[in-house]
Protein backbone atom coordinates (compact mmCIF):
# COMPACT_ATOMS: atom_id res chain seq x y z
CA UNK A 1 0.00 0.00 0.00
CA UNK A 2 2.74 2.42 -0.86
CA UNK A 3 0.35 4.43 -3.05
CA UNK A 4 -2.27 5.01 -0.33
CA UNK A 5 -3.65 8.52 -0.17
CA UNK A 6 -3.73 10.34 3.16
CA UNK A 7 -7.08 10.52 4.89
CA UNK A 8 -8.72 13.91 4.39
CA UNK A 9 -8.98 15.94 7.53
CA UNK A 10 -12.10 17.74 8.60
CA UNK A 11 -12.01 21.35 7.44
CA UNK A 12 -11.21 23.81 10.17
CA UNK A 13 -14.09 25.99 11.25
CA UNK A 14 -13.78 29.42 9.72
CA UNK A 15 -13.58 32.36 12.02
CA UNK A 16 -16.98 33.99 12.38
CA UNK A 17 -17.59 36.84 9.97
CA UNK A 18 -18.33 40.09 11.69
CA UNK A 19 -21.61 41.28 10.24
CA UNK A 20 -22.30 44.96 9.71
CA UNK A 21 -25.73 46.37 10.03
CA UNK A 22 -27.40 47.67 6.88
CA UNK A 23 -26.81 51.30 7.79
CA UNK A 24 -23.05 50.75 8.02
CA UNK A 25 -23.03 48.94 4.67
CA UNK A 26 -25.00 51.81 3.09
CA UNK A 27 -22.62 54.42 4.53
CA UNK A 28 -19.59 52.54 3.17
CA UNK A 29 -21.27 52.10 -0.21
CA UNK A 30 -22.17 55.80 -0.43
CA UNK A 31 -18.60 56.75 0.39
CA UNK A 32 -17.16 54.43 -2.27
CA UNK A 33 -19.65 55.53 -4.93
CA UNK A 34 -19.16 59.20 -4.07
CA UNK A 35 -15.43 58.84 -4.68
CA UNK A 36 -15.87 57.16 -8.06
CA UNK A 37 -15.15 59.10 -11.24
CA UNK A 38 -18.38 57.86 -12.84
CA UNK A 39 -20.48 59.30 -10.03
CA UNK A 40 -18.59 62.59 -10.06
CA UNK A 41 -19.04 62.92 -13.82
CA UNK A 42 -22.75 62.12 -13.42
CA UNK A 43 -23.04 64.87 -10.75
CA UNK A 44 -21.44 67.41 -13.08
CA UNK A 45 -23.74 66.46 -15.95
CA UNK A 46 -26.79 67.04 -13.75
CA UNK A 47 -25.38 70.13 -11.98
CA UNK A 48 -25.75 68.59 -8.51
CA UNK A 49 -22.68 70.45 -7.33
CA UNK A 50 -24.17 73.88 -7.88
CA UNK A 51 -24.87 75.95 -4.75
CA UNK A 52 -28.62 75.86 -5.34
CA UNK A 53 -28.68 72.04 -5.43
CA UNK A 54 -30.52 70.81 -2.36
CA UNK A 55 -30.45 67.10 -3.14
CA UNK A 56 -28.71 65.14 -0.39
CA UNK A 57 -25.80 62.83 -1.19
CA UNK A 58 -28.01 59.94 -0.09
CA UNK A 59 -30.63 60.86 -2.70
CA UNK A 60 -27.96 61.42 -5.34
CA UNK A 61 -26.41 57.99 -4.80
CA UNK A 62 -29.82 56.32 -4.89
CA UNK A 63 -30.66 58.09 -8.15
CA UNK A 64 -27.25 57.27 -9.64
CA UNK A 65 -27.59 53.60 -8.71
CA UNK A 66 -31.13 53.43 -10.10
CA UNK A 67 -30.07 55.00 -13.41
CA UNK A 68 -26.97 52.81 -13.64
CA UNK A 69 -28.94 49.62 -12.98
CA UNK A 70 -31.63 50.63 -15.48
CA UNK A 71 -28.93 51.19 -18.10
CA UNK A 72 -27.33 47.82 -17.35
CA UNK A 73 -30.68 46.06 -17.45
CA UNK A 74 -31.43 47.55 -20.84
PDB file of N, CA and C in Angstrom:
ATOM      1  N   UNK A   1       0.808  -1.187   0.000  1.00  0.00           N
ATOM      2  CA  UNK A   1       0.000   0.000   0.000  1.00  0.00           C
ATOM      3  C   UNK A   1       0.856   1.259   0.000  1.00  0.00           C
ATOM      4  N   UNK A   2       1.868   1.279  -0.789  1.00  0.00           N
ATOM      5  CA  UNK A   2       2.744   2.424  -0.857  1.00  0.00           C
ATOM      6  C   UNK A   2       2.062   3.608  -1.528  1.00  0.00           C
ATOM      7  N   UNK A   3       1.041   3.350  -2.330  1.00  0.00           N
ATOM      8  CA  UNK A   3       0.354   4.432  -3.048  1.00  0.00           C
ATOM      9  C   UNK A   3      -0.900   4.921  -2.326  1.00  0.00           C
ATOM     10  N   UNK A   4      -1.072   4.608  -1.076  1.00  0.00           N
ATOM     11  CA  UNK A   4      -2.268   5.013  -0.333  1.00  0.00           C
ATOM     12  C   UNK A   4      -2.298   6.529  -0.158  1.00  0.00           C
ATOM     13  N   UNK A   5      -3.474   7.085  -0.342  1.00  0.00           N
ATOM     14  CA  UNK A   5      -3.654   8.522  -0.170  1.00  0.00           C
ATOM     15  C   UNK A   5      -3.921   8.827   1.293  1.00  0.00           C
ATOM     16  N   UNK A   6      -3.457   9.983   1.755  1.00  0.00           N
ATOM     17  CA  UNK A   6      -3.731  10.335   3.158  1.00  0.00           C
ATOM     18  C   UNK A   6      -5.225  10.571   3.361  1.00  0.00           C
ATOM     19  N   UNK A   7      -5.680  10.296   4.547  1.00  0.00           N
ATOM     20  CA  UNK A   7      -7.084  10.518   4.887  1.00  0.00           C
ATOM     21  C   UNK A   7      -7.325  12.023   5.000  1.00  0.00           C
ATOM     22  N   UNK A   8      -8.393  12.481   4.355  1.00  0.00           N
ATOM     23  CA  UNK A   8      -8.722  13.909   4.393  1.00  0.00           C
ATOM     24  C   UNK A   8      -9.117  14.310   5.798  1.00  0.00           C
ATOM     25  N   UNK A   9      -8.632  15.435   6.210  1.00  0.00           N
ATOM     26  CA  UNK A   9      -8.977  15.943   7.533  1.00  0.00           C
ATOM     27  C   UNK A   9     -10.225  16.797   7.437  1.00  0.00           C
ATOM     28  N   UNK A  10     -10.942  16.864   8.535  1.00  0.00           N
ATOM     29  CA  UNK A  10     -12.103  17.736   8.598  1.00  0.00           C
ATOM     30  C   UNK A  10     -11.652  19.177   8.402  1.00  0.00           C
ATOM     31  N   UNK A  11     -12.386  19.941   7.610  1.00  0.00           N
ATOM     32  CA  UNK A  11     -12.007  21.351   7.442  1.00  0.00           C
ATOM     33  C   UNK A  11     -12.106  22.094   8.769  1.00  0.00           C
ATOM     34  N   UNK A  12     -11.195  23.007   8.957  1.00  0.00           N
ATOM     35  CA  UNK A  12     -11.209  23.814  10.175  1.00  0.00           C
ATOM     36  C   UNK A  12     -12.368  24.800  10.095  1.00  0.00           C
ATOM     37  N   UNK A  13     -12.989  25.033  11.209  1.00  0.00           N
ATOM     38  CA  UNK A  13     -14.092  25.990  11.251  1.00  0.00           C
ATOM     39  C   UNK A  13     -13.537  27.383  10.953  1.00  0.00           C
ATOM     40  N   UNK A  14     -14.201  28.058  10.058  1.00  0.00           N
ATOM     41  CA  UNK A  14     -13.785  29.418   9.718  1.00  0.00           C
ATOM     42  C   UNK A  14     -14.105  30.344  10.880  1.00  0.00           C
ATOM     43  N   UNK A  15     -13.296  31.378  10.987  1.00  0.00           N
ATOM     44  CA  UNK A  15     -13.585  32.360  12.022  1.00  0.00           C
ATOM     45  C   UNK A  15     -14.906  33.036  11.683  1.00  0.00           C
ATOM     46  N   UNK A  16     -15.697  33.357  12.669  1.00  0.00           N
ATOM     47  CA  UNK A  16     -16.980  33.990  12.379  1.00  0.00           C
ATOM     48  C   UNK A  16     -16.776  35.325  11.671  1.00  0.00           C
ATOM     49  N   UNK A  17     -17.633  35.579  10.708  1.00  0.00           N
ATOM     50  CA  UNK A  17     -17.586  36.836   9.966  1.00  0.00           C
ATOM     51  C   UNK A  17     -18.329  37.879  10.778  1.00  0.00           C
ATOM     52  N   UNK A  18     -17.681  39.009  10.954  1.00  0.00           N
ATOM     53  CA  UNK A  18     -18.327  40.086  11.691  1.00  0.00           C
ATOM     54  C   UNK A  18     -19.310  40.778  10.755  1.00  0.00           C
ATOM     55  N   UNK A  19     -20.574  40.703  11.088  1.00  0.00           N
ATOM     56  CA  UNK A  19     -21.605  41.281  10.239  1.00  0.00           C
ATOM     57  C   UNK A  19     -21.816  42.751  10.580  1.00  0.00           C
ATOM     58  N   UNK A  20     -21.980  43.533   9.540  1.00  0.00           N
ATOM     59  CA  UNK A  20     -22.302  44.957   9.708  1.00  0.00           C
ATOM     60  C   UNK A  20     -23.803  45.107   9.597  1.00  0.00           C
ATOM     61  N   UNK A  21     -24.306  46.110  10.234  1.00  0.00           N
ATOM     62  CA  UNK A  21     -25.728  46.372  10.029  1.00  0.00           C
ATOM     63  C   UNK A  21     -25.910  47.080   8.694  1.00  0.00           C
ATOM     64  N   UNK A  22     -27.121  47.099   8.196  1.00  0.00           N
ATOM     65  CA  UNK A  22     -27.403  47.666   6.885  1.00  0.00           C
ATOM     66  C   UNK A  22     -26.992  49.127   6.777  1.00  0.00           C
ATOM     67  N   UNK A  23     -27.154  49.886   7.850  1.00  0.00           N
ATOM     68  CA  UNK A  23     -26.809  51.305   7.785  1.00  0.00           C
ATOM     69  C   UNK A  23     -25.310  51.493   7.589  1.00  0.00           C
ATOM     70  N   UNK A  24     -24.498  50.645   8.200  1.00  0.00           N
ATOM     71  CA  UNK A  24     -23.050  50.750   8.024  1.00  0.00           C
ATOM     72  C   UNK A  24     -22.657  50.361   6.597  1.00  0.00           C
ATOM     73  N   UNK A  25     -23.298  49.350   6.064  1.00  0.00           N
ATOM     74  CA  UNK A  25     -23.034  48.943   4.675  1.00  0.00           C
ATOM     75  C   UNK A  25     -23.399  50.083   3.733  1.00  0.00           C
ATOM     76  N   UNK A  26     -24.553  50.711   3.937  1.00  0.00           N
ATOM     77  CA  UNK A  26     -24.997  51.810   3.086  1.00  0.00           C
ATOM     78  C   UNK A  26     -24.024  52.990   3.173  1.00  0.00           C
ATOM     79  N   UNK A  27     -23.568  53.313   4.369  1.00  0.00           N
ATOM     80  CA  UNK A  27     -22.617  54.417   4.528  1.00  0.00           C
ATOM     81  C   UNK A  27     -21.326  54.131   3.775  1.00  0.00           C
ATOM     82  N   UNK A  28     -20.814  52.907   3.881  1.00  0.00           N
ATOM     83  CA  UNK A  28     -19.585  52.538   3.171  1.00  0.00           C
ATOM     84  C   UNK A  28     -19.795  52.563   1.661  1.00  0.00           C
ATOM     85  N   UNK A  29     -20.951  52.103   1.220  1.00  0.00           N
ATOM     86  CA  UNK A  29     -21.266  52.096  -0.208  1.00  0.00           C
ATOM     87  C   UNK A  29     -21.371  53.524  -0.743  1.00  0.00           C
ATOM     88  N   UNK A  30     -22.054  54.400  -0.012  1.00  0.00           N
ATOM     89  CA  UNK A  30     -22.173  55.801  -0.427  1.00  0.00           C
ATOM     90  C   UNK A  30     -20.805  56.452  -0.548  1.00  0.00           C
ATOM     91  N   UNK A  31     -19.937  56.172   0.408  1.00  0.00           N
ATOM     92  CA  UNK A  31     -18.597  56.754   0.388  1.00  0.00           C
ATOM     93  C   UNK A  31     -17.816  56.275  -0.834  1.00  0.00           C
ATOM     94  N   UNK A  32     -17.887  54.981  -1.122  1.00  0.00           N
ATOM     95  CA  UNK A  32     -17.165  54.428  -2.272  1.00  0.00           C
ATOM     96  C   UNK A  32     -17.729  54.968  -3.588  1.00  0.00           C
ATOM     97  N   UNK A  33     -19.036  55.020  -3.702  1.00  0.00           N
ATOM     98  CA  UNK A  33     -19.654  55.531  -4.928  1.00  0.00           C
ATOM     99  C   UNK A  33     -19.354  57.013  -5.087  1.00  0.00           C
ATOM    100  N   UNK A  34     -19.436  57.769  -4.017  1.00  0.00           N
ATOM    101  CA  UNK A  34     -19.164  59.197  -4.067  1.00  0.00           C
ATOM    102  C   UNK A  34     -17.754  59.521  -4.530  1.00  0.00           C
ATOM    103  N   UNK A  35     -16.823  58.626  -4.271  1.00  0.00           N
ATOM    104  CA  UNK A  35     -15.431  58.838  -4.677  1.00  0.00           C
ATOM    105  C   UNK A  35     -15.161  58.383  -6.105  1.00  0.00           C
ATOM    106  N   UNK A  36     -16.113  57.706  -6.715  1.00  0.00           N
ATOM    107  CA  UNK A  36     -15.874  57.164  -8.060  1.00  0.00           C
ATOM    108  C   UNK A  36     -15.961  58.259  -9.126  1.00  0.00           C
ATOM    109  N   UNK A  37     -15.157  58.102 -10.162  1.00  0.00           N
ATOM    110  CA  UNK A  37     -15.147  59.098 -11.240  1.00  0.00           C
ATOM    111  C   UNK A  37     -16.471  59.094 -12.005  1.00  0.00           C
ATOM    112  N   UNK A  38     -17.102  57.933 -12.146  1.00  0.00           N
ATOM    113  CA  UNK A  38     -18.382  57.860 -12.844  1.00  0.00           C
ATOM    114  C   UNK A  38     -19.454  58.663 -12.129  1.00  0.00           C
ATOM    115  N   UNK A  39     -19.495  58.559 -10.810  1.00  0.00           N
ATOM    116  CA  UNK A  39     -20.476  59.301 -10.027  1.00  0.00           C
ATOM    117  C   UNK A  39     -20.202  60.795 -10.104  1.00  0.00           C
ATOM    118  N   UNK A  40     -18.944  61.183 -10.011  1.00  0.00           N
ATOM    119  CA  UNK A  40     -18.591  62.595 -10.060  1.00  0.00           C
ATOM    120  C   UNK A  40     -18.923  63.200 -11.425  1.00  0.00           C
ATOM    121  N   UNK A  41     -18.684  62.449 -12.481  1.00  0.00           N
ATOM    122  CA  UNK A  41     -19.037  62.916 -13.823  1.00  0.00           C
ATOM    123  C   UNK A  41     -20.562  63.067 -13.942  1.00  0.00           C
ATOM    124  N   UNK A  42     -21.292  62.091 -13.406  1.00  0.00           N
ATOM    125  CA  UNK A  42     -22.752  62.123 -13.419  1.00  0.00           C
ATOM    126  C   UNK A  42     -23.259  63.353 -12.683  1.00  0.00           C
ATOM    127  N   UNK A  43     -22.661  63.675 -11.518  1.00  0.00           N
ATOM    128  CA  UNK A  43     -23.044  64.869 -10.754  1.00  0.00           C
ATOM    129  C   UNK A  43     -22.859  66.131 -11.592  1.00  0.00           C
ATOM    130  N   UNK A  44     -21.714  66.231 -12.268  1.00  0.00           N
ATOM    131  CA  UNK A  44     -21.436  67.412 -13.085  1.00  0.00           C
ATOM    132  C   UNK A  44     -22.442  67.552 -14.217  1.00  0.00           C
ATOM    133  N   UNK A  45     -22.780  66.427 -14.846  1.00  0.00           N
ATOM    134  CA  UNK A  45     -23.740  66.458 -15.945  1.00  0.00           C
ATOM    135  C   UNK A  45     -25.107  66.952 -15.495  1.00  0.00           C
ATOM    136  N   UNK A  46     -25.471  66.653 -14.268  1.00  0.00           N
ATOM    137  CA  UNK A  46     -26.789  67.041 -13.753  1.00  0.00           C
ATOM    138  C   UNK A  46     -26.739  68.277 -12.861  1.00  0.00           C
ATOM    139  N   UNK A  47     -25.573  68.907 -12.782  1.00  0.00           N
ATOM    140  CA  UNK A  47     -25.382  70.132 -11.981  1.00  0.00           C
ATOM    141  C   UNK A  47     -25.744  69.963 -10.512  1.00  0.00           C
ATOM    142  N   UNK A  48     -25.466  68.791  -9.934  1.00  0.00           N
ATOM    143  CA  UNK A  48     -25.750  68.586  -8.512  1.00  0.00           C
ATOM    144  C   UNK A  48     -24.787  69.360  -7.623  1.00  0.00           C
ATOM    145  N   UNK A  49     -23.660  69.769  -8.165  1.00  0.00           N
ATOM    146  CA  UNK A  49     -22.676  70.450  -7.331  1.00  0.00           C
ATOM    147  C   UNK A  49     -22.881  71.958  -7.296  1.00  0.00           C
ATOM    148  N   UNK A  50     -23.917  72.444  -7.916  1.00  0.00           N
ATOM    149  CA  UNK A  50     -24.174  73.880  -7.880  1.00  0.00           C
ATOM    150  C   UNK A  50     -24.673  74.277  -6.490  1.00  0.00           C
ATOM    151  N   UNK A  51     -24.453  75.520  -6.096  1.00  0.00           N
ATOM    152  CA  UNK A  51     -24.872  75.951  -4.747  1.00  0.00           C
ATOM    153  C   UNK A  51     -26.370  75.813  -4.501  1.00  0.00           C
ATOM    154  N   UNK A  52     -27.179  75.946  -5.545  1.00  0.00           N
ATOM    155  CA  UNK A  52     -28.621  75.855  -5.336  1.00  0.00           C
ATOM    156  C   UNK A  52     -29.132  74.408  -5.270  1.00  0.00           C
ATOM    157  N   UNK A  53     -28.256  73.437  -5.503  1.00  0.00           N
ATOM    158  CA  UNK A  53     -28.678  72.039  -5.434  1.00  0.00           C
ATOM    159  C   UNK A  53     -28.959  71.673  -3.975  1.00  0.00           C
ATOM    160  N   UNK A  54     -30.141  71.163  -3.727  1.00  0.00           N
ATOM    161  CA  UNK A  54     -30.520  70.806  -2.355  1.00  0.00           C
ATOM    162  C   UNK A  54     -30.746  69.309  -2.208  1.00  0.00           C
ATOM    163  N   UNK A  55     -30.274  68.539  -3.180  1.00  0.00           N
ATOM    164  CA  UNK A  55     -30.448  67.100  -3.139  1.00  0.00           C
ATOM    165  C   UNK A  55     -29.330  66.505  -2.285  1.00  0.00           C
ATOM    166  N   UNK A  56     -29.704  65.722  -1.285  1.00  0.00           N
ATOM    167  CA  UNK A  56     -28.708  65.135  -0.385  1.00  0.00           C
ATOM    168  C   UNK A  56     -27.861  64.103  -1.131  1.00  0.00           C
ATOM    169  N   UNK A  57     -26.687  63.830  -0.585  1.00  0.00           N
ATOM    170  CA  UNK A  57     -25.803  62.833  -1.195  1.00  0.00           C
ATOM    171  C   UNK A  57     -26.484  61.465  -1.184  1.00  0.00           C
ATOM    172  N   UNK A  58     -27.266  61.194  -0.167  1.00  0.00           N
ATOM    173  CA  UNK A  58     -28.007  59.941  -0.089  1.00  0.00           C
ATOM    174  C   UNK A  58     -28.949  59.811  -1.284  1.00  0.00           C
ATOM    175  N   UNK A  59     -29.701  60.865  -1.566  1.00  0.00           N
ATOM    176  CA  UNK A  59     -30.633  60.864  -2.699  1.00  0.00           C
ATOM    177  C   UNK A  59     -29.887  60.776  -4.028  1.00  0.00           C
ATOM    178  N   UNK A  60     -28.744  61.457  -4.113  1.00  0.00           N
ATOM    179  CA  UNK A  60     -27.959  61.423  -5.337  1.00  0.00           C
ATOM    180  C   UNK A  60     -27.455  60.013  -5.629  1.00  0.00           C
ATOM    181  N   UNK A  61     -26.933  59.346  -4.608  1.00  0.00           N
ATOM    182  CA  UNK A  61     -26.405  57.992  -4.796  1.00  0.00           C
ATOM    183  C   UNK A  61     -27.533  57.042  -5.183  1.00  0.00           C
ATOM    184  N   UNK A  62     -28.679  57.171  -4.544  1.00  0.00           N
ATOM    185  CA  UNK A  62     -29.815  56.315  -4.893  1.00  0.00           C
ATOM    186  C   UNK A  62     -30.235  56.518  -6.351  1.00  0.00           C
ATOM    187  N   UNK A  63     -30.290  57.771  -6.771  1.00  0.00           N
ATOM    188  CA  UNK A  63     -30.663  58.087  -8.153  1.00  0.00           C
ATOM    189  C   UNK A  63     -29.613  57.552  -9.130  1.00  0.00           C
ATOM    190  N   UNK A  64     -28.348  57.756  -8.800  1.00  0.00           N
ATOM    191  CA  UNK A  64     -27.249  57.274  -9.639  1.00  0.00           C
ATOM    192  C   UNK A  64     -27.310  55.749  -9.779  1.00  0.00           C
ATOM    193  N   UNK A  65     -27.506  55.059  -8.667  1.00  0.00           N
ATOM    194  CA  UNK A  65     -27.590  53.599  -8.710  1.00  0.00           C
ATOM    195  C   UNK A  65     -28.788  53.136  -9.532  1.00  0.00           C
ATOM    196  N   UNK A  66     -29.922  53.792  -9.348  1.00  0.00           N
ATOM    197  CA  UNK A  66     -31.127  53.433 -10.098  1.00  0.00           C
ATOM    198  C   UNK A  66     -30.882  53.594 -11.598  1.00  0.00           C
ATOM    199  N   UNK A  67     -30.336  54.750 -11.994  1.00  0.00           N
ATOM    200  CA  UNK A  67     -30.067  54.996 -13.405  1.00  0.00           C
ATOM    201  C   UNK A  67     -29.040  54.015 -13.974  1.00  0.00           C
ATOM    202  N   UNK A  68     -28.006  53.740 -13.193  1.00  0.00           N
ATOM    203  CA  UNK A  68     -26.965  52.811 -13.641  1.00  0.00           C
ATOM    204  C   UNK A  68     -27.540  51.405 -13.829  1.00  0.00           C
ATOM    205  N   UNK A  69     -28.336  50.961 -12.884  1.00  0.00           N
ATOM    206  CA  UNK A  69     -28.936  49.624 -12.982  1.00  0.00           C
ATOM    207  C   UNK A  69     -29.934  49.546 -14.133  1.00  0.00           C
ATOM    208  N   UNK A  70     -30.693  50.602 -14.344  1.00  0.00           N
ATOM    209  CA  UNK A  70     -31.630  50.626 -15.476  1.00  0.00           C
ATOM    210  C   UNK A  70     -30.872  50.537 -16.797  1.00  0.00           C
ATOM    211  N   UNK A  71     -29.747  51.227 -16.880  1.00  0.00           N
ATOM    212  CA  UNK A  71     -28.930  51.186 -18.100  1.00  0.00           C
ATOM    213  C   UNK A  71     -28.356  49.789 -18.303  1.00  0.00           C
ATOM    214  N   UNK A  72     -27.882  49.177 -17.243  1.00  0.00           N
ATOM    215  CA  UNK A  72     -27.329  47.823 -17.345  1.00  0.00           C
ATOM    216  C   UNK A  72     -28.385  46.801 -17.698  1.00  0.00           C
ATOM    217  N   UNK A  73     -29.586  46.995 -17.183  1.00  0.00           N
ATOM    218  CA  UNK A  73     -30.681  46.059 -17.455  1.00  0.00           C
ATOM    219  C   UNK A  73     -31.166  46.164 -18.881  1.00  0.00           C
ATOM    220  N   UNK A  74     -30.969  47.319 -19.491  1.00  0.00           N
ATOM    221  CA  UNK A  74     -31.428  47.550 -20.840  1.00  0.00           C
ATOM    222  C   UNK A  74     -30.514  46.819 -21.794  1.00  0.00           C
TER     223      UNK A  74
END
